[in-house]
């Protein structure tokens, strides 16, 4: 039976959960996720769990934050003057917004705090700083 190795193109079904059991992503009801093992297309902790697995094999993988979306980077938090944000933009904590970097790139941010004069925005990945669990199944190996 063919075992997954670095460089193989694999298709997997997966369900990703936080350690409290809440699901943040899943391929249920969708096509399997296809990628090349070892190419950096997925988070390292999941990529590293695949070599040696075979088609049809299932595994539960615990991924620490550093092998997933990294630690929370305090430099990715930014306070901006409230008057610099249009009045029609909702500013409830947890609201996802999009900013534009100086070079024109879209940057997703989350509102984390609002007071009378400032709005604090977080540009960290929403899963940064979180340990994750994945239930995976190898569907195919090429």
Protein backbone atom coordinates (compact mmCIF):
# COMPACT_ATOMS: atom_id res chain seq x y z
CA UNK A 1 0.00 0.00 0.00
CA UNK A 2 1.37 3.43 -0.97
CA UNK A 3 2.40 5.59 1.95
CA UNK A 4 2.43 9.37 1.83
CA UNK A 5 5.85 10.97 1.44
CA UNK A 6 7.10 14.51 0.95
CA UNK A 7 6.42 15.70 -2.61
CA UNK A 8 3.28 13.56 -3.07
CA UNK A 9 0.03 15.22 -4.01
CA UNK A 10 -2.60 14.09 -1.53
CA UNK A 11 -6.29 14.60 -1.02
CA UNK A 12 -7.59 14.54 2.54
CA UNK A 13 -10.85 15.01 4.35
CA UNK A 14 -10.44 16.89 7.61
CA UNK A 15 -12.24 18.52 10.49
CA UNK A 16 -10.36 21.16 12.45
CA UNK A 17 -11.43 21.95 16.00
CA UNK A 18 -10.27 24.11 18.86
CA UNK A 19 -9.34 22.28 22.05
CA UNK A 20 -12.79 23.13 23.47
CA UNK A 21 -14.28 20.99 20.68
CA UNK A 22 -15.72 23.81 18.55
CA UNK A 23 -15.21 23.26 14.81
CA UNK A 24 -13.47 26.06 12.87
CA UNK A 25 -13.19 24.33 9.47
CA UNK A 26 -14.12 21.07 7.78
CA UNK A 27 -14.18 19.48 4.34
CA UNK A 28 -17.49 17.74 5.19
CA UNK A 29 -19.85 18.15 2.26
CA UNK A 30 -17.04 19.48 0.04
CA UNK A 31 -14.33 18.01 -2.15
CA UNK A 32 -11.29 16.78 -0.23
CA UNK A 33 -8.45 19.24 0.27
CA UNK A 34 -5.69 18.65 -2.31
CA UNK A 35 -2.10 19.80 -1.83
CA UNK A 36 1.52 18.75 -2.20
CA UNK A 37 3.02 17.37 1.02
CA UNK A 38 6.02 19.33 2.26
CA UNK A 39 5.39 22.31 -0.02
CA UNK A 40 4.21 24.74 2.66
CA UNK A 41 0.67 24.90 1.27
CA UNK A 42 -0.86 23.95 4.64
CA UNK A 43 0.13 24.57 8.26
CA UNK A 44 3.35 22.75 9.26
CA UNK A 45 1.85 20.69 12.09
CA UNK A 46 -0.66 19.09 9.74
CA UNK A 47 1.81 18.73 6.87
CA UNK A 48 4.28 16.92 9.16
CA UNK A 49 1.62 14.42 10.29
CA UNK A 50 0.96 13.00 6.81
CA UNK A 51 4.16 11.16 5.77
CA UNK A 52 3.75 7.44 6.43
CA UNK A 53 -0.05 7.49 6.23
CA UNK A 54 -1.86 5.36 3.63
CA UNK A 55 -5.07 5.80 1.63
CA UNK A 56 -8.07 5.22 3.87
CA UNK A 57 -6.07 5.78 7.06
CA UNK A 58 -7.52 8.14 9.65
CA UNK A 59 -5.63 10.02 12.36
CA UNK A 60 -6.23 12.61 15.05
CA UNK A 61 -3.51 15.25 15.03
CA UNK A 62 -2.83 17.77 17.82
CA UNK A 63 -1.14 20.90 16.46
CA UNK A 64 0.42 23.45 18.81
CA UNK A 65 -0.01 27.12 17.92
CA UNK A 66 3.61 27.49 16.77
CA UNK A 67 3.05 24.72 14.18
CA UNK A 68 -0.31 26.17 13.12
CA UNK A 69 -0.86 29.91 12.73
CA UNK A 70 1.86 30.99 15.14
CA UNK A 71 1.80 32.93 18.36
CA UNK A 72 -0.16 36.15 18.67
CA UNK A 73 2.13 38.96 17.51
CA UNK A 74 1.53 42.11 19.60
CA UNK A 75 2.88 44.21 16.72
CA UNK A 76 -0.18 43.16 14.69
CA UNK A 77 -2.44 45.10 17.11
CA UNK A 78 -3.02 48.68 16.08
CA UNK A 79 -5.01 51.48 17.69
CA UNK A 80 -6.46 53.95 15.22
CA UNK A 81 -8.33 57.20 15.86
CA UNK A 82 -12.06 56.53 15.89
CA UNK A 83 -12.72 59.56 13.66
CA UNK A 84 -10.57 57.91 10.96
CA UNK A 85 -13.19 55.20 10.48
CA UNK A 86 -16.38 56.03 8.55
CA UNK A 87 -19.47 56.26 10.79
CA UNK A 88 -21.32 53.55 8.83
CA UNK A 89 -18.68 50.89 9.62
CA UNK A 90 -19.80 48.62 12.51
CA UNK A 91 -17.25 48.60 15.34
CA UNK A 92 -18.56 45.90 17.66
CA UNK A 93 -15.71 43.80 19.12
CA UNK A 94 -15.29 40.66 17.03
CA UNK A 95 -16.34 42.40 13.80
CA UNK A 96 -14.16 41.45 10.84
CA UNK A 97 -13.06 44.37 8.68
CA UNK A 98 -10.64 44.83 5.83
CA UNK A 99 -7.92 47.47 5.73
CA UNK A 100 -5.60 48.34 2.91
CA UNK A 101 -1.84 48.30 3.37
CA UNK A 102 0.26 51.17 1.95
CA UNK A 103 1.09 48.97 -1.07
CA UNK A 104 -2.60 48.28 -1.78
CA UNK A 105 -2.88 44.78 -0.30
CA UNK A 106 -6.12 43.85 1.48
CA UNK A 107 -5.50 43.07 5.15
CA UNK A 108 -8.25 41.39 7.20
CA UNK A 109 -8.51 42.74 10.76
CA UNK A 110 -10.76 42.13 13.75
CA UNK A 111 -12.11 44.84 16.03
CA UNK A 112 -10.90 43.95 19.53
CA UNK A 113 -11.60 47.09 21.57
CA UNK A 114 -13.42 50.39 21.13
CA UNK A 115 -13.42 53.45 23.36
CA UNK A 116 -14.44 57.07 22.84
CA UNK A 117 -11.30 58.03 20.93
CA UNK A 118 -9.70 54.86 19.51
CA UNK A 119 -10.46 51.55 17.87
CA UNK A 120 -8.01 48.68 18.42
CA UNK A 121 -7.67 46.35 15.44
CA UNK A 122 -5.98 42.94 15.35
CA UNK A 123 -4.35 41.78 12.10
CA UNK A 124 -3.23 38.42 13.55
CA UNK A 125 -4.76 35.34 11.96
CA UNK A 126 -7.96 34.54 13.92
CA UNK A 127 -6.41 31.20 14.97
CA UNK A 128 -3.04 32.66 16.02
CA UNK A 129 -2.05 31.59 19.51
CA UNK A 130 -4.44 28.64 19.52
CA UNK A 131 -3.59 24.94 19.74
CA UNK A 132 -5.67 22.95 17.26
CA UNK A 133 -6.90 19.40 16.68
CA UNK A 134 -7.52 17.84 13.27
CA UNK A 135 -9.27 14.60 12.41
CA UNK A 136 -7.89 13.63 9.00
CA UNK A 137 -8.44 10.87 6.46
CA UNK A 138 -6.19 10.28 3.45
CA UNK A 139 -8.42 9.94 0.36
CA UNK A 140 -5.75 9.64 -2.35
CA UNK A 141 -1.99 9.80 -2.92
CA UNK A 142 -0.39 10.63 -6.29
